Protein backbone atom coordinates (compact mmCIF):
# COMPACT_ATOMS: atom_id res chain seq x y z
CA UNK A 1 24.81 -91.77 -95.05
CA UNK A 2 26.24 -88.26 -95.33
CA UNK A 3 23.20 -87.15 -97.35
CA UNK A 4 20.85 -88.52 -94.69
CA UNK A 5 22.74 -86.60 -92.00
CA UNK A 6 22.50 -83.40 -94.06
CA UNK A 7 18.74 -83.88 -94.53
CA UNK A 8 18.27 -84.46 -90.80
CA UNK A 9 20.25 -81.34 -89.97
CA UNK A 10 18.24 -79.29 -92.46
CA UNK A 11 14.97 -80.57 -91.01
CA UNK A 12 16.14 -79.88 -87.46
CA UNK A 13 17.16 -76.36 -88.45
CA UNK A 14 13.81 -75.75 -90.13
CA UNK A 15 11.95 -77.01 -87.06
CA UNK A 16 13.93 -74.70 -84.79
CA UNK A 17 13.24 -71.79 -87.11
CA UNK A 18 9.51 -72.49 -87.25
CA UNK A 19 9.16 -73.11 -83.52
CA UNK A 20 11.41 -70.24 -82.59
CA UNK A 21 9.50 -67.67 -84.59
CA UNK A 22 6.12 -68.80 -83.25
CA UNK A 23 6.98 -68.67 -79.59
CA UNK A 24 6.73 -65.24 -78.07
CA UNK A 25 5.37 -63.63 -81.23
CA UNK A 26 2.80 -61.01 -80.39
CA UNK A 27 -0.33 -61.22 -82.49
CA UNK A 28 -0.76 -57.74 -83.86
CA UNK A 29 -4.23 -58.19 -85.32
CA UNK A 30 -7.00 -60.72 -85.74
CA UNK A 31 -7.61 -62.36 -89.11
CA UNK A 32 -10.74 -60.49 -90.18
CA UNK A 33 -11.54 -57.78 -87.65
CA UNK A 34 -9.94 -54.36 -88.08
CA UNK A 35 -8.98 -53.67 -84.46
CA UNK A 36 -5.31 -54.26 -83.70
CA UNK A 37 -4.21 -55.97 -80.51
CA UNK A 38 -2.54 -52.73 -79.45
CA UNK A 39 -5.83 -50.87 -79.91
CA UNK A 40 -7.68 -53.56 -77.97
CA UNK A 41 -5.23 -53.27 -75.10
CA UNK A 42 -4.96 -49.47 -75.04
CA UNK A 43 -8.60 -48.72 -75.78
CA UNK A 44 -10.39 -51.39 -73.77
CA UNK A 45 -8.22 -53.44 -71.44
CA UNK A 46 -5.96 -50.78 -69.94
CA UNK A 47 -8.67 -48.16 -69.25
CA UNK A 48 -11.00 -50.70 -67.64
CA UNK A 49 -8.18 -52.27 -65.61
CA UNK A 50 -7.19 -48.80 -64.40
CA UNK A 51 -10.75 -47.99 -63.29
CA UNK A 52 -11.17 -51.33 -61.52
CA UNK A 53 -7.70 -51.24 -59.97
CA UNK A 54 -8.13 -47.75 -58.55
CA UNK A 55 -11.49 -48.67 -57.04
CA UNK A 56 -10.62 -52.04 -55.51
CA UNK A 57 -7.19 -50.97 -54.29
CA UNK A 58 -8.63 -47.80 -52.78
CA UNK A 59 -11.62 -47.24 -50.55
CA UNK A 60 -14.08 -48.69 -53.03
CA UNK A 61 -17.03 -47.09 -54.79
CA UNK A 62 -18.73 -44.28 -52.91
CA UNK A 63 -22.34 -45.06 -53.82
CA UNK A 64 -24.67 -47.33 -55.78
CA UNK A 65 -24.03 -45.47 -59.03
CA UNK A 66 -20.27 -45.96 -58.62
CA UNK A 67 -20.69 -49.69 -57.88
CA UNK A 68 -22.80 -50.01 -61.05
CA UNK A 69 -20.17 -48.22 -63.12
CA UNK A 70 -17.47 -50.41 -61.60
CA UNK A 71 -19.45 -53.54 -62.52
CA UNK A 72 -19.59 -52.31 -66.12
CA UNK A 73 -15.82 -51.84 -66.17
CA UNK A 74 -15.31 -55.33 -64.71
CA UNK A 75 -17.70 -56.83 -67.28
CA UNK A 76 -15.83 -55.14 -70.14
CA UNK A 77 -12.50 -56.28 -68.76
CA UNK A 78 -13.82 -59.83 -68.48
CA UNK A 79 -15.26 -59.74 -71.99
CA UNK A 80 -11.90 -58.70 -73.40
CA UNK A 81 -10.58 -62.11 -72.29
CA UNK A 82 -12.99 -63.68 -74.76
CA UNK A 83 -12.26 -61.18 -77.52
CA UNK A 84 -8.52 -61.88 -77.27
CA UNK A 85 -9.21 -65.54 -78.05
CA UNK A 86 -11.31 -64.84 -81.16
CA UNK A 87 -10.45 -64.18 -84.79
CA UNK A 88 -7.11 -65.97 -84.73
CA UNK A 89 -5.48 -63.73 -82.12
CA UNK A 90 -4.36 -66.59 -79.88
CA UNK A 91 -0.84 -67.70 -80.85
CA UNK A 92 -0.09 -70.25 -78.13
CA UNK A 93 -0.89 -71.93 -74.82
CA UNK A 94 0.47 -69.02 -72.77
CA UNK A 95 -2.00 -66.61 -74.37
CA UNK A 96 -4.85 -69.13 -74.10
CA UNK A 97 -4.18 -69.86 -70.42
CA UNK A 98 -3.96 -66.15 -69.58
CA UNK A 99 -7.25 -65.45 -71.36
CA UNK A 100 -8.95 -68.37 -69.62
CA UNK A 101 -7.76 -67.09 -66.24
CA UNK A 102 -8.87 -63.58 -67.18
CA UNK A 103 -12.33 -64.91 -68.06
CA UNK A 104 -12.65 -66.94 -64.85
CA UNK A 105 -11.23 -64.38 -62.45
CA UNK A 106 -13.17 -61.65 -64.27
CA UNK A 107 -16.41 -63.53 -63.66
CA UNK A 108 -15.53 -63.79 -59.98
CA UNK A 109 -14.55 -60.10 -59.95
CA UNK A 110 -17.92 -59.12 -61.38
CA UNK A 111 -19.76 -61.30 -58.85
CA UNK A 112 -17.79 -59.75 -55.96
CA UNK A 113 -18.46 -56.23 -57.23
CA UNK A 114 -22.17 -56.96 -57.60
CA UNK A 115 -22.13 -58.21 -54.00
CA UNK A 116 -20.24 -55.03 -52.97
CA UNK A 117 -17.47 -57.22 -51.55
CA UNK A 118 -14.44 -54.95 -51.77
CA UNK A 119 -11.94 -57.46 -50.32
CA UNK A 120 -13.16 -60.23 -52.62
CA UNK A 121 -13.05 -57.82 -55.57
CA UNK A 122 -9.46 -56.92 -54.79
CA UNK A 123 -8.47 -60.60 -54.60
CA UNK A 124 -10.18 -61.45 -57.92
CA UNK A 125 -8.64 -58.41 -59.59
CA UNK A 126 -5.21 -59.55 -58.39
CA UNK A 127 -5.71 -62.94 -60.06
CA UNK A 128 -6.88 -61.26 -63.24
CA UNK A 129 -3.86 -58.95 -63.43
CA UNK A 130 -1.54 -61.89 -62.73
CA UNK A 131 -2.94 -63.52 -65.85
CA UNK A 132 -2.24 -60.34 -67.80
CA UNK A 133 1.32 -60.26 -66.52
CA UNK A 134 1.96 -63.91 -67.43
CA UNK A 135 1.01 -63.23 -71.03
CA UNK A 136 2.77 -59.86 -71.27
CA UNK A 137 6.01 -61.47 -70.08
CA UNK A 138 6.01 -63.57 -73.24
CA UNK A 139 4.14 -61.45 -75.79
CA UNK A 140 4.39 -57.75 -75.02
CA UNK A 141 6.69 -55.92 -77.38
CA UNK A 142 8.51 -53.01 -75.79
């Protein structure tokens, strides 16, 4: 009886250790691709989010060329939601849900930008950045 209790306690402790280390662990790199998650965020996501955010939270693009450039930034930002799910980067449901929301709201963002709908673009961008925040709350290492 005592041995059975000890085994149960050991198994419970092991389960807590395994579950505890997996939750909230930032994925620092995919399995086969060389780009780190930090590089993906700082080189792709953050610059494109900055461009889009400044445009949709400001007065909007000034001309057709600026709308086209903004659409490219929105498309890249949307595509990063797919990239973050590939190559074993996704550690949990929080990450997966955030990426799915980023993909969906990014598609809407791109459609609104292509329609030159500044208010709709701002709303879609807000949903996209909320997805980013939900994941960063759990995974972003300070």
